[in-house]
Amino acid sequence: MFFASIGILIGIAIGLILPYTYNVQYSLYISVAILACLDSVFGGIRANLENKFDLSIFMSGFFGNAILAAFLAYIGDRLGVPLYYAAIFTFGGRLFENFASIRRILFKRRFKNQE
């Protein structure tokens, strides 16, 4: 947990010192990829709380989901069909499911410690 906190702080510092801008044309692809990455992060937190975390599964899901989501958005853009909705519904729904599970796990732990 200590190294994860350090990694987050380093990432925030780099983001503040070296702000990166991108072309507005890519905003759809990047937003869908970020949603997929957030889904993986929340899934990793949930797996860690359940003592089932595996770094290789997390890393492959993190990058694989982001690439797949951006690819769906790109293909949909080329075909004129909003395929990015599939990524939004899938990853958005899973993000809320993972958040709900994390919340339940933390509440159960808290109430168990109070007894």
PDB file of N, CA and C in Angstrom:
ATOM      1  N   MET A   1       0.826  -1.195   0.000  1.00  0.00           N
ATOM      2  CA  MET A   1       0.000   0.000   0.000  1.00  0.00           C
ATOM      3  C   MET A   1       0.869   1.256   0.000  1.00  0.00           C
ATOM      4  N   PHE A   2       2.014   1.154   0.664  1.00  0.00           N
ATOM      5  CA  PHE A   2       2.928   2.290   0.743  1.00  0.00           C
ATOM      6  C   PHE A   2       3.431   2.675  -0.644  1.00  0.00           C
ATOM      7  N   PHE A   3       3.832   1.659  -1.435  1.00  0.00           N
ATOM      8  CA  PHE A   3       4.358   1.939  -2.768  1.00  0.00           C
ATOM      9  C   PHE A   3       3.276   2.474  -3.705  1.00  0.00           C
ATOM     10  N   ALA A   4       2.055   2.007  -3.526  1.00  0.00           N
ATOM     11  CA  ALA A   4       0.955   2.517  -4.342  1.00  0.00           C
ATOM     12  C   ALA A   4       0.725   3.994  -4.054  1.00  0.00           C
ATOM     13  N   SER A   5       0.789   4.375  -2.788  1.00  0.00           N
ATOM     14  CA  SER A   5       0.615   5.781  -2.414  1.00  0.00           C
ATOM     15  C   SER A   5       1.731   6.642  -2.989  1.00  0.00           C
ATOM     16  N   ILE A   6       2.945   6.131  -2.948  1.00  0.00           N
ATOM     17  CA  ILE A   6       4.081   6.869  -3.515  1.00  0.00           C
ATOM     18  C   ILE A   6       3.896   7.014  -5.027  1.00  0.00           C
ATOM     19  N   GLY A   7       3.449   5.953  -5.681  1.00  0.00           N
ATOM     20  CA  GLY A   7       3.211   6.011  -7.121  1.00  0.00           C
ATOM     21  C   GLY A   7       2.150   7.034  -7.481  1.00  0.00           C
ATOM     22  N   ILE A   8       1.106   7.107  -6.692  1.00  0.00           N
ATOM     23  CA  ILE A   8       0.046   8.097  -6.937  1.00  0.00           C
ATOM     24  C   ILE A   8       0.590   9.507  -6.772  1.00  0.00           C
ATOM     25  N   LEU A   9       1.357   9.736  -5.722  1.00  0.00           N
ATOM     26  CA  LEU A   9       1.939  11.072  -5.492  1.00  0.00           C
ATOM     27  C   LEU A   9       2.909  11.465  -6.602  1.00  0.00           C
ATOM     28  N   ILE A  10       3.719  10.525  -7.056  1.00  0.00           N
ATOM     29  CA  ILE A  10       4.643  10.812  -8.161  1.00  0.00           C
ATOM     30  C   ILE A  10       3.857  11.129  -9.430  1.00  0.00           C
ATOM     31  N   GLY A  11       2.803  10.366  -9.700  1.00  0.00           N
ATOM     32  CA  GLY A  11       1.972  10.623 -10.878  1.00  0.00           C
ATOM     33  C   GLY A  11       1.316  11.996 -10.837  1.00  0.00           C
ATOM     34  N   ILE A  12       0.815  12.393  -9.672  1.00  0.00           N
ATOM     35  CA  ILE A  12       0.197  13.721  -9.527  1.00  0.00           C
ATOM     36  C   ILE A  12       1.243  14.809  -9.727  1.00  0.00           C
ATOM     37  N   ALA A  13       2.423  14.615  -9.147  1.00  0.00           N
ATOM     38  CA  ALA A  13       3.490  15.622  -9.287  1.00  0.00           C
ATOM     39  C   ALA A  13       3.900  15.770 -10.746  1.00  0.00           C
ATOM     40  N   ILE A  14       4.076  14.654 -11.441  1.00  0.00           N
ATOM     41  CA  ILE A  14       4.451  14.721 -12.859  1.00  0.00           C
ATOM     42  C   ILE A  14       3.347  15.402 -13.661  1.00  0.00           C
ATOM     43  N   GLY A  15       2.099  15.091 -13.355  1.00  0.00           N
ATOM     44  CA  GLY A  15       0.981  15.718 -14.065  1.00  0.00           C
ATOM     45  C   GLY A  15       0.905  17.214 -13.847  1.00  0.00           C
ATOM     46  N   LEU A  16       1.266  17.676 -12.662  1.00  0.00           N
ATOM     47  CA  LEU A  16       1.235  19.111 -12.382  1.00  0.00           C
ATOM     48  C   LEU A  16       2.432  19.835 -12.980  1.00  0.00           C
ATOM     49  N   ILE A  17       3.583  19.185 -12.989  1.00  0.00           N
ATOM     50  CA  ILE A  17       4.799  19.821 -13.501  1.00  0.00           C
ATOM     51  C   ILE A  17       4.835  19.796 -15.024  1.00  0.00           C
ATOM     52  N   LEU A  18       4.466  18.681 -15.608  1.00  0.00           N
ATOM     53  CA  LEU A  18       4.519  18.508 -17.062  1.00  0.00           C
ATOM     54  C   LEU A  18       3.122  18.277 -17.626  1.00  0.00           C
ATOM     55  N   PRO A  19       2.292  19.308 -17.655  1.00  0.00           N
ATOM     56  CA  PRO A  19       0.942  19.091 -18.188  1.00  0.00           C
ATOM     57  C   PRO A  19       0.997  18.716 -19.672  1.00  0.00           C
ATOM     58  N   TYR A  20       0.224  17.738 -20.032  1.00  0.00           N
ATOM     59  CA  TYR A  20       0.201  17.243 -21.400  1.00  0.00           C
ATOM     60  C   TYR A  20      -1.142  17.576 -22.022  1.00  0.00           C
ATOM     61  N   THR A  21      -1.111  18.156 -23.186  1.00  0.00           N
ATOM     62  CA  THR A  21      -2.355  18.444 -23.905  1.00  0.00           C
ATOM     63  C   THR A  21      -2.374  17.606 -25.182  1.00  0.00           C
ATOM     64  N   TYR A  22      -3.557  17.329 -25.636  1.00  0.00           N
ATOM     65  CA  TYR A  22      -3.727  16.533 -26.839  1.00  0.00           C
ATOM     66  C   TYR A  22      -4.760  17.203 -27.732  1.00  0.00           C
ATOM     67  N   ASN A  23      -4.801  16.765 -28.956  1.00  0.00           N
ATOM     68  CA  ASN A  23      -5.717  17.308 -29.939  1.00  0.00           C
ATOM     69  C   ASN A  23      -7.159  16.967 -29.544  1.00  0.00           C
ATOM     70  N   VAL A  24      -8.059  17.901 -29.729  1.00  0.00           N
ATOM     71  CA  VAL A  24      -9.466  17.714 -29.362  1.00  0.00           C
ATOM     72  C   VAL A  24     -10.103  16.566 -30.143  1.00  0.00           C
ATOM     73  N   GLN A  25      -9.585  16.265 -31.302  1.00  0.00           N
ATOM     74  CA  GLN A  25     -10.130  15.170 -32.102  1.00  0.00           C
ATOM     75  C   GLN A  25     -10.016  13.824 -31.390  1.00  0.00           C
ATOM     76  N   TYR A  26      -9.059  13.707 -30.482  1.00  0.00           N
ATOM     77  CA  TYR A  26      -8.835  12.447 -29.782  1.00  0.00           C
ATOM     78  C   TYR A  26      -9.570  12.363 -28.446  1.00  0.00           C
ATOM     79  N   SER A  27     -10.350  13.356 -28.116  1.00  0.00           N
ATOM     80  CA  SER A  27     -10.984  13.387 -26.793  1.00  0.00           C
ATOM     81  C   SER A  27     -11.925  12.205 -26.571  1.00  0.00           C
ATOM     82  N   LEU A  28     -12.642  11.774 -27.583  1.00  0.00           N
ATOM     83  CA  LEU A  28     -13.537  10.626 -27.442  1.00  0.00           C
ATOM     84  C   LEU A  28     -12.745   9.365 -27.116  1.00  0.00           C
ATOM     85  N   TYR A  29     -11.666   9.135 -27.847  1.00  0.00           N
ATOM     86  CA  TYR A  29     -10.862   7.941 -27.642  1.00  0.00           C
ATOM     87  C   TYR A  29     -10.210   7.948 -26.257  1.00  0.00           C
ATOM     88  N   ILE A  30      -9.689   9.089 -25.882  1.00  0.00           N
ATOM     89  CA  ILE A  30      -8.998   9.191 -24.593  1.00  0.00           C
ATOM     90  C   ILE A  30      -9.987   9.058 -23.437  1.00  0.00           C
ATOM     91  N   SER A  31     -11.155   9.668 -23.555  1.00  0.00           N
ATOM     92  CA  SER A  31     -12.129   9.577 -22.459  1.00  0.00           C
ATOM     93  C   SER A  31     -12.616   8.148 -22.260  1.00  0.00           C
ATOM     94  N   VAL A  32     -12.837   7.420 -23.342  1.00  0.00           N
ATOM     95  CA  VAL A  32     -13.269   6.027 -23.224  1.00  0.00           C
ATOM     96  C   VAL A  32     -12.138   5.168 -22.664  1.00  0.00           C
ATOM     97  N   ALA A  33     -10.908   5.439 -23.078  1.00  0.00           N
ATOM     98  CA  ALA A  33      -9.763   4.691 -22.557  1.00  0.00           C
ATOM     99  C   ALA A  33      -9.564   4.968 -21.068  1.00  0.00           C
ATOM    100  N   ILE A  34      -9.750   6.214 -20.648  1.00  0.00           N
ATOM    101  CA  ILE A  34      -9.632   6.550 -19.229  1.00  0.00           C
ATOM    102  C   ILE A  34     -10.712   5.847 -18.426  1.00  0.00           C
ATOM    103  N   LEU A  35     -11.914   5.779 -18.948  1.00  0.00           N
ATOM    104  CA  LEU A  35     -12.994   5.053 -18.266  1.00  0.00           C
ATOM    105  C   LEU A  35     -12.623   3.585 -18.099  1.00  0.00           C
ATOM    106  N   ALA A  36     -12.051   2.983 -19.131  1.00  0.00           N
ATOM    107  CA  ALA A  36     -11.631   1.588 -19.048  1.00  0.00           C
ATOM    108  C   ALA A  36     -10.521   1.408 -18.013  1.00  0.00           C
ATOM    109  N   CYS A  37      -9.594   2.357 -17.962  1.00  0.00           N
ATOM    110  CA  CYS A  37      -8.511   2.289 -16.970  1.00  0.00           C
ATOM    111  C   CYS A  37      -9.062   2.432 -15.554  1.00  0.00           C
ATOM    112  N   LEU A  38     -10.006   3.338 -15.368  1.00  0.00           N
ATOM    113  CA  LEU A  38     -10.622   3.489 -14.044  1.00  0.00           C
ATOM    114  C   LEU A  38     -11.337   2.216 -13.620  1.00  0.00           C
ATOM    115  N   ASP A  39     -11.981   1.558 -14.569  1.00  0.00           N
ATOM    116  CA  ASP A  39     -12.620   0.280 -14.262  1.00  0.00           C
ATOM    117  C   ASP A  39     -11.585  -0.721 -13.766  1.00  0.00           C
ATOM    118  N   SER A  40     -10.436  -0.775 -14.414  1.00  0.00           N
ATOM    119  CA  SER A  40      -9.383  -1.689 -13.996  1.00  0.00           C
ATOM    120  C   SER A  40      -8.833  -1.318 -12.621  1.00  0.00           C
ATOM    121  N   VAL A  41      -8.688  -0.033 -12.356  1.00  0.00           N
ATOM    122  CA  VAL A  41      -8.176   0.412 -11.055  1.00  0.00           C
ATOM    123  C   VAL A  41      -9.142   0.010  -9.942  1.00  0.00           C
ATOM    124  N   PHE A  42     -10.423   0.273 -10.127  1.00  0.00           N
ATOM    125  CA  PHE A  42     -11.401  -0.102  -9.111  1.00  0.00           C
ATOM    126  C   PHE A  42     -11.480  -1.622  -8.965  1.00  0.00           C
ATOM    127  N   GLY A  43     -11.337  -2.347 -10.067  1.00  0.00           N
ATOM    128  CA  GLY A  43     -11.293  -3.803  -9.991  1.00  0.00           C
ATOM    129  C   GLY A  43     -10.072  -4.285  -9.222  1.00  0.00           C
ATOM    130  N   GLY A  44      -8.937  -3.609  -9.408  1.00  0.00           N
ATOM    131  CA  GLY A  44      -7.727  -3.953  -8.670  1.00  0.00           C
ATOM    132  C   GLY A  44      -7.869  -3.673  -7.180  1.00  0.00           C
ATOM    133  N   ILE A  45      -8.498  -2.562  -6.841  1.00  0.00           N
ATOM    134  CA  ILE A  45      -8.729  -2.243  -5.431  1.00  0.00           C
ATOM    135  C   ILE A  45      -9.637  -3.301  -4.807  1.00  0.00           C
ATOM    136  N   ARG A  46     -10.678  -3.658  -5.528  1.00  0.00           N
ATOM    137  CA  ARG A  46     -11.606  -4.689  -5.026  1.00  0.00           C
ATOM    138  C   ARG A  46     -10.883  -6.018  -4.837  1.00  0.00           C
ATOM    139  N   ALA A  47     -10.082  -6.409  -5.829  1.00  0.00           N
ATOM    140  CA  ALA A  47      -9.346  -7.672  -5.720  1.00  0.00           C
ATOM    141  C   ALA A  47      -8.367  -7.636  -4.553  1.00  0.00           C
ATOM    142  N   ASN A  48      -7.732  -6.496  -4.323  1.00  0.00           N
ATOM    143  CA  ASN A  48      -6.802  -6.361  -3.206  1.00  0.00           C
ATOM    144  C   ASN A  48      -7.532  -6.511  -1.873  1.00  0.00           C
ATOM    145  N   LEU A  49      -8.698  -5.903  -1.757  1.00  0.00           N
ATOM    146  CA  LEU A  49      -9.468  -6.013  -0.521  1.00  0.00           C
ATOM    147  C   LEU A  49      -9.960  -7.441  -0.284  1.00  0.00           C
ATOM    148  N   GLU A  50     -10.166  -8.184  -1.361  1.00  0.00           N
ATOM    149  CA  GLU A  50     -10.605  -9.578  -1.255  1.00  0.00           C
ATOM    150  C   GLU A  50      -9.424 -10.554  -1.212  1.00  0.00           C
ATOM    151  N   ASN A  51      -8.192 -10.009  -1.160  1.00  0.00           N
ATOM    152  CA  ASN A  51      -6.952 -10.807  -1.149  1.00  0.00           C
ATOM    153  C   ASN A  51      -6.836 -11.710  -2.373  1.00  0.00           C
ATOM    154  N   LYS A  52      -7.275 -11.206  -3.532  1.00  0.00           N
ATOM    155  CA  LYS A  52      -7.206 -11.962  -4.783  1.00  0.00           C
ATOM    156  C   LYS A  52      -6.408 -11.199  -5.847  1.00  0.00           C
ATOM    157  N   PHE A  53      -5.668 -10.179  -5.460  1.00  0.00           N
ATOM    158  CA  PHE A  53      -4.980  -9.327  -6.428  1.00  0.00           C
ATOM    159  C   PHE A  53      -3.826 -10.064  -7.087  1.00  0.00           C
ATOM    160  N   ASP A  54      -3.747  -9.941  -8.411  1.00  0.00           N
ATOM    161  CA  ASP A  54      -2.650 -10.498  -9.197  1.00  0.00           C
ATOM    162  C   ASP A  54      -2.176  -9.401 -10.135  1.00  0.00           C
ATOM    163  N   LEU A  55      -0.917  -8.999 -10.008  1.00  0.00           N
ATOM    164  CA  LEU A  55      -0.400  -7.875 -10.775  1.00  0.00           C
ATOM    165  C   LEU A  55      -0.463  -8.118 -12.279  1.00  0.00           C
ATOM    166  N   SER A  56      -0.165  -9.328 -12.725  1.00  0.00           N
ATOM    167  CA  SER A  56      -0.188  -9.595 -14.165  1.00  0.00           C
ATOM    168  C   SER A  56      -1.609  -9.476 -14.726  1.00  0.00           C
ATOM    169  N   ILE A  57      -2.596  -9.936 -13.982  1.00  0.00           N
ATOM    170  CA  ILE A  57      -3.986  -9.804 -14.424  1.00  0.00           C
ATOM    171  C   ILE A  57      -4.381  -8.323 -14.443  1.00  0.00           C
ATOM    172  N   PHE A  58      -3.965  -7.587 -13.413  1.00  0.00           N
ATOM    173  CA  PHE A  58      -4.284  -6.156 -13.357  1.00  0.00           C
ATOM    174  C   PHE A  58      -3.669  -5.410 -14.533  1.00  0.00           C
ATOM    175  N   MET A  59      -2.383  -5.627 -14.789  1.00  0.00           N
ATOM    176  CA  MET A  59      -1.699  -4.894 -15.859  1.00  0.00           C
ATOM    177  C   MET A  59      -2.271  -5.248 -17.238  1.00  0.00           C
ATOM    178  N   SER A  60      -2.547  -6.534 -17.465  1.00  0.00           N
ATOM    179  CA  SER A  60      -3.106  -6.915 -18.762  1.00  0.00           C
ATOM    180  C   SER A  60      -4.509  -6.341 -18.933  1.00  0.00           C
ATOM    181  N   GLY A  61      -5.297  -6.302 -17.864  1.00  0.00           N
ATOM    182  CA  GLY A  61      -6.625  -5.705 -17.936  1.00  0.00           C
ATOM    183  C   GLY A  61      -6.566  -4.205 -18.111  1.00  0.00           C
ATOM    184  N   PHE A  62      -5.637  -3.561 -17.411  1.00  0.00           N
ATOM    185  CA  PHE A  62      -5.505  -2.105 -17.485  1.00  0.00           C
ATOM    186  C   PHE A  62      -5.224  -1.661 -18.915  1.00  0.00           C
ATOM    187  N   PHE A  63      -4.173  -2.221 -19.506  1.00  0.00           N
ATOM    188  CA  PHE A  63      -3.807  -1.816 -20.864  1.00  0.00           C
ATOM    189  C   PHE A  63      -4.721  -2.437 -21.912  1.00  0.00           C
ATOM    190  N   GLY A  64      -5.115  -3.681 -21.712  1.00  0.00           N
ATOM    191  CA  GLY A  64      -5.999  -4.337 -22.678  1.00  0.00           C
ATOM    192  C   GLY A  64      -7.352  -3.654 -22.779  1.00  0.00           C
ATOM    193  N   ASN A  65      -7.947  -3.323 -21.631  1.00  0.00           N
ATOM    194  CA  ASN A  65      -9.244  -2.638 -21.644  1.00  0.00           C
ATOM    195  C   ASN A  65      -9.145  -1.264 -22.285  1.00  0.00           C
ATOM    196  N   ALA A  66      -8.076  -0.538 -21.967  1.00  0.00           N
ATOM    197  CA  ALA A  66      -7.913   0.804 -22.542  1.00  0.00           C
ATOM    198  C   ALA A  66      -7.755   0.737 -24.056  1.00  0.00           C
ATOM    199  N   ILE A  67      -6.945  -0.200 -24.521  1.00  0.00           N
ATOM    200  CA  ILE A  67      -6.726  -0.334 -25.967  1.00  0.00           C
ATOM    201  C   ILE A  67      -8.009  -0.789 -26.658  1.00  0.00           C
ATOM    202  N   LEU A  68      -8.696  -1.752 -26.065  1.00  0.00           N
ATOM    203  CA  LEU A  68      -9.943  -2.236 -26.662  1.00  0.00           C
ATOM    204  C   LEU A  68     -11.000  -1.133 -26.719  1.00  0.00           C
ATOM    205  N   ALA A  69     -11.131  -0.363 -25.650  1.00  0.00           N
ATOM    206  CA  ALA A  69     -12.121   0.716 -25.631  1.00  0.00           C
ATOM    207  C   ALA A  69     -11.797   1.782 -26.677  1.00  0.00           C
ATOM    208  N   ALA A  70     -10.523   2.179 -26.745  1.00  0.00           N
ATOM    209  CA  ALA A  70     -10.130   3.179 -27.739  1.00  0.00           C
ATOM    210  C   ALA A  70     -10.309   2.631 -29.154  1.00  0.00           C
ATOM    211  N   PHE A  71     -10.018   1.349 -29.358  1.00  0.00           N
ATOM    212  CA  PHE A  71     -10.188   0.730 -30.670  1.00  0.00           C
ATOM    213  C   PHE A  71     -11.659   0.691 -31.072  1.00  0.00           C
ATOM    214  N   LEU A  72     -12.542   0.339 -30.130  1.00  0.00           N
ATOM    215  CA  LEU A  72     -13.981   0.355 -30.425  1.00  0.00           C
ATOM    216  C   LEU A  72     -14.446   1.757 -30.823  1.00  0.00           C
ATOM    217  N   ALA A  73     -13.968   2.758 -30.087  1.00  0.00           N
ATOM    218  CA  ALA A  73     -14.345   4.129 -30.410  1.00  0.00           C
ATOM    219  C   ALA A  73     -13.827   4.510 -31.795  1.00  0.00           C
ATOM    220  N   TYR A  74     -12.603   4.103 -32.117  1.00  0.00           N
ATOM    221  CA  TYR A  74     -12.012   4.429 -33.412  1.00  0.00           C
ATOM    222  C   TYR A  74     -12.769   3.742 -34.546  1.00  0.00           C
ATOM    223  N   ILE A  75     -13.005   2.446 -34.412  1.00  0.00           N
ATOM    224  CA  ILE A  75     -13.723   1.706 -35.459  1.00  0.00           C
ATOM    225  C   ILE A  75     -15.126   2.275 -35.638  1.00  0.00           C
ATOM    226  N   GLY A  76     -15.793   2.555 -34.540  1.00  0.00           N
ATOM    227  CA  GLY A  76     -17.123   3.148 -34.623  1.00  0.00           C
ATOM    228  C   GLY A  76     -17.107   4.496 -35.308  1.00  0.00           C
ATOM    229  N   ASP A  77     -16.075   5.278 -35.041  1.00  0.00           N
ATOM    230  CA  ASP A  77     -15.929   6.588 -35.674  1.00  0.00           C
ATOM    231  C   ASP A  77     -15.738   6.432 -37.179  1.00  0.00           C
ATOM    232  N   ARG A  78     -14.935   5.467 -37.579  1.00  0.00           N
ATOM    233  CA  ARG A  78     -14.682   5.222 -39.003  1.00  0.00           C
ATOM    234  C   ARG A  78     -15.945   4.710 -39.708  1.00  0.00           C
ATOM    235  N   LEU A  79     -16.744   3.894 -38.995  1.00  0.00           N
ATOM    236  CA  LEU A  79     -17.949   3.325 -39.605  1.00  0.00           C
ATOM    237  C   LEU A  79     -19.161   4.249 -39.496  1.00  0.00           C
ATOM    238  N   GLY A  80     -19.048   5.271 -38.672  1.00  0.00           N
ATOM    239  CA  GLY A  80     -20.178   6.173 -38.461  1.00  0.00           C
ATOM    240  C   GLY A  80     -21.206   5.609 -37.489  1.00  0.00           C
ATOM    241  N   VAL A  81     -20.795   4.637 -36.687  1.00  0.00           N
ATOM    242  CA  VAL A  81     -21.664   3.999 -35.702  1.00  0.00           C
ATOM    243  C   VAL A  81     -21.061   4.266 -34.323  1.00  0.00           C
ATOM    244  N   PRO A  82     -21.856   4.734 -33.374  1.00  0.00           N
ATOM    245  CA  PRO A  82     -21.292   5.050 -32.050  1.00  0.00           C
ATOM    246  C   PRO A  82     -21.001   3.799 -31.220  1.00  0.00           C
ATOM    247  N   LEU A  83     -19.973   3.017 -31.620  1.00  0.00           N
ATOM    248  CA  LEU A  83     -19.606   1.805 -30.888  1.00  0.00           C
ATOM    249  C   LEU A  83     -19.027   2.105 -29.513  1.00  0.00           C
ATOM    250  N   TYR A  84     -18.602   3.330 -29.297  1.00  0.00           N
ATOM    251  CA  TYR A  84     -18.033   3.675 -27.997  1.00  0.00           C
ATOM    252  C   TYR A  84     -19.080   3.562 -26.888  1.00  0.00           C
ATOM    253  N   TYR A  85     -20.353   3.574 -27.247  1.00  0.00           N
ATOM    254  CA  TYR A  85     -21.396   3.378 -26.239  1.00  0.00           C
ATOM    255  C   TYR A  85     -21.261   2.011 -25.563  1.00  0.00           C
ATOM    256  N   ALA A  86     -20.844   1.000 -26.325  1.00  0.00           N
ATOM    257  CA  ALA A  86     -20.650  -0.329 -25.740  1.00  0.00           C
ATOM    258  C   ALA A  86     -19.602  -0.273 -24.640  1.00  0.00           C
ATOM    259  N   ALA A  87     -18.514   0.437 -24.891  1.00  0.00           N
ATOM    260  CA  ALA A  87     -17.467   0.571 -23.878  1.00  0.00           C
ATOM    261  C   ALA A  87     -17.958   1.382 -22.692  1.00  0.00           C
ATOM    262  N   ILE A  88     -18.705   2.432 -22.952  1.00  0.00           N
ATOM    263  CA  ILE A  88     -19.212   3.279 -21.861  1.00  0.00           C
ATOM    264  C   ILE A  88     -20.148   2.478 -20.959  1.00  0.00           C
ATOM    265  N   PHE A  89     -21.078   1.747 -21.547  1.00  0.00           N
ATOM    266  CA  PHE A  89     -22.022   0.965 -20.739  1.00  0.00           C
ATOM    267  C   PHE A  89     -21.314  -0.155 -19.986  1.00  0.00           C
ATOM    268  N   THR A  90     -20.421  -0.857 -20.664  1.00  0.00           N
ATOM    269  CA  THR A  90     -19.741  -1.978 -20.022  1.00  0.00           C
ATOM    270  C   THR A  90     -18.833  -1.517 -18.894  1.00  0.00           C
ATOM    271  N   PHE A  91     -17.903  -0.625 -19.222  1.00  0.00           N
ATOM    272  CA  PHE A  91     -16.939  -0.196 -18.215  1.00  0.00           C
ATOM    273  C   PHE A  91     -17.583   0.691 -17.153  1.00  0.00           C
ATOM    274  N   GLY A  92     -18.539   1.502 -17.541  1.00  0.00           N
ATOM    275  CA  GLY A  92     -19.241   2.330 -16.560  1.00  0.00           C
ATOM    276  C   GLY A  92     -20.028   1.490 -15.575  1.00  0.00           C
ATOM    277  N   GLY A  93     -20.719   0.483 -16.079  1.00  0.00           N
ATOM    278  CA  GLY A  93     -21.476  -0.408 -15.201  1.00  0.00           C
ATOM    279  C   GLY A  93     -20.570  -1.182 -14.265  1.00  0.00           C
ATOM    280  N   ARG A  94     -19.466  -1.696 -14.801  1.00  0.00           N
ATOM    281  CA  ARG A  94     -18.528  -2.437 -13.955  1.00  0.00           C
ATOM    282  C   ARG A  94     -17.865  -1.531 -12.931  1.00  0.00           C
ATOM    283  N   LEU A  95     -17.623  -0.285 -13.297  1.00  0.00           N
ATOM    284  CA  LEU A  95     -17.017   0.662 -12.356  1.00  0.00           C
ATOM    285  C   LEU A  95     -17.921   0.853 -11.142  1.00  0.00           C
ATOM    286  N   PHE A  96     -19.213   1.032 -11.386  1.00  0.00           N
ATOM    287  CA  PHE A  96     -20.154   1.202 -10.277  1.00  0.00           C
ATOM    288  C   PHE A  96     -20.312  -0.087  -9.475  1.00  0.00           C
ATOM    289  N   GLU A  97     -20.284  -1.246 -10.141  1.00  0.00           N
ATOM    290  CA  GLU A  97     -20.350  -2.519  -9.420  1.00  0.00           C
ATOM    291  C   GLU A  97     -19.141  -2.699  -8.508  1.00  0.00           C
ATOM    292  N   ASN A  98     -17.957  -2.404  -9.038  1.00  0.00           N
ATOM    293  CA  ASN A  98     -16.745  -2.518  -8.225  1.00  0.00           C
ATOM    294  C   ASN A  98     -16.773  -1.542  -7.060  1.00  0.00           C
ATOM    295  N   PHE A  99     -17.230  -0.325  -7.307  1.00  0.00           N
ATOM    296  CA  PHE A  99     -17.309   0.661  -6.226  1.00  0.00           C
ATOM    297  C   PHE A  99     -18.274   0.195  -5.142  1.00  0.00           C
ATOM    298  N   ALA A 100     -19.408  -0.364  -5.538  1.00  0.00           N
ATOM    299  CA  ALA A 100     -20.375  -0.873  -4.563  1.00  0.00           C
ATOM    300  C   ALA A 100     -19.775  -2.023  -3.763  1.00  0.00           C
ATOM    301  N   SER A 101     -19.036  -2.906  -4.405  1.00  0.00           N
ATOM    302  CA  SER A 101     -18.397  -4.014  -3.697  1.00  0.00           C
ATOM    303  C   SER A 101     -17.334  -3.514  -2.728  1.00  0.00           C
ATOM    304  N   ILE A 102     -16.548  -2.537  -3.147  1.00  0.00           N
ATOM    305  CA  ILE A 102     -15.525  -1.954  -2.274  1.00  0.00           C
ATOM    306  C   ILE A 102     -16.186  -1.336  -1.053  1.00  0.00           C
ATOM    307  N   ARG A 103     -17.252  -0.618  -1.285  1.00  0.00           N
ATOM    308  CA  ARG A 103     -17.972   0.016  -0.175  1.00  0.00           C
ATOM    309  C   ARG A 103     -18.497  -1.026   0.803  1.00  0.00           C
ATOM    310  N   ARG A 104     -19.091  -2.108   0.290  1.00  0.00           N
ATOM    311  CA  ARG A 104     -19.608  -3.165   1.163  1.00  0.00           C
ATOM    312  C   ARG A 104     -18.498  -3.821   1.969  1.00  0.00           C
ATOM    313  N   ILE A 105     -17.382  -4.097   1.320  1.00  0.00           N
ATOM    314  CA  ILE A 105     -16.251  -4.729   2.016  1.00  0.00           C
ATOM    315  C   ILE A 105     -15.750  -3.825   3.138  1.00  0.00           C
ATOM    316  N   LEU A 106     -15.601  -2.528   2.845  1.00  0.00           N
ATOM    317  CA  LEU A 106     -15.104  -1.607   3.867  1.00  0.00           C
ATOM    318  C   LEU A 106     -16.088  -1.442   5.015  1.00  0.00           C
ATOM    319  N   PHE A 107     -17.382  -1.385   4.719  1.00  0.00           N
ATOM    320  CA  PHE A 107     -18.384  -1.292   5.785  1.00  0.00           C
ATOM    321  C   PHE A 107     -18.387  -2.549   6.653  1.00  0.00           C
ATOM    322  N   LYS A 108     -18.295  -3.720   6.036  1.00  0.00           N
ATOM    323  CA  LYS A 108     -18.268  -4.973   6.797  1.00  0.00           C
ATOM    324  C   LYS A 108     -17.046  -5.011   7.712  1.00  0.00           C
ATOM    325  N   ARG A 109     -15.898  -4.581   7.191  1.00  0.00           N
ATOM    326  CA  ARG A 109     -14.688  -4.555   8.019  1.00  0.00           C
ATOM    327  C   ARG A 109     -14.824  -3.579   9.173  1.00  0.00           C
ATOM    328  N   ARG A 110     -15.413  -2.443   8.898  1.00  0.00           N
ATOM    329  CA  ARG A 110     -15.549  -1.422   9.944  1.00  0.00           C
ATOM    330  C   ARG A 110     -16.478  -1.898  11.051  1.00  0.00           C
ATOM    331  N   PHE A 111     -17.615  -2.474  10.661  1.00  0.00           N
ATOM    332  CA  PHE A 111     -18.560  -2.947  11.672  1.00  0.00           C
ATOM    333  C   PHE A 111     -18.020  -4.164  12.418  1.00  0.00           C
ATOM    334  N   LYS A 112     -17.225  -4.980  11.745  1.00  0.00           N
ATOM    335  CA  LYS A 112     -16.624  -6.132  12.389  1.00  0.00           C
ATOM    336  C   LYS A 112     -15.600  -5.680  13.442  1.00  0.00           C
ATOM    337  N   ASN A 113     -14.864  -4.594  13.135  1.00  0.00           N
ATOM    338  CA  ASN A 113     -13.870  -4.068  14.078  1.00  0.00           C
ATOM    339  C   ASN A 113     -14.514  -3.383  15.269  1.00  0.00           C
ATOM    340  N   GLN A 114     -15.719  -2.877  15.125  1.00  0.00           N
ATOM    341  CA  GLN A 114     -16.394  -2.177  16.223  1.00  0.00           C
ATOM    342  C   GLN A 114     -16.984  -3.139  17.240  1.00  0.00           C
ATOM    343  N   GLU A 115     -17.163  -4.383  16.845  1.00  0.00           N
ATOM    344  CA  GLU A 115     -17.765  -5.373  17.761  1.00  0.00           C
ATOM    345  C   GLU A 115     -16.802  -5.812  18.820  1.00  0.00           C
TER     346      GLU A 115
END
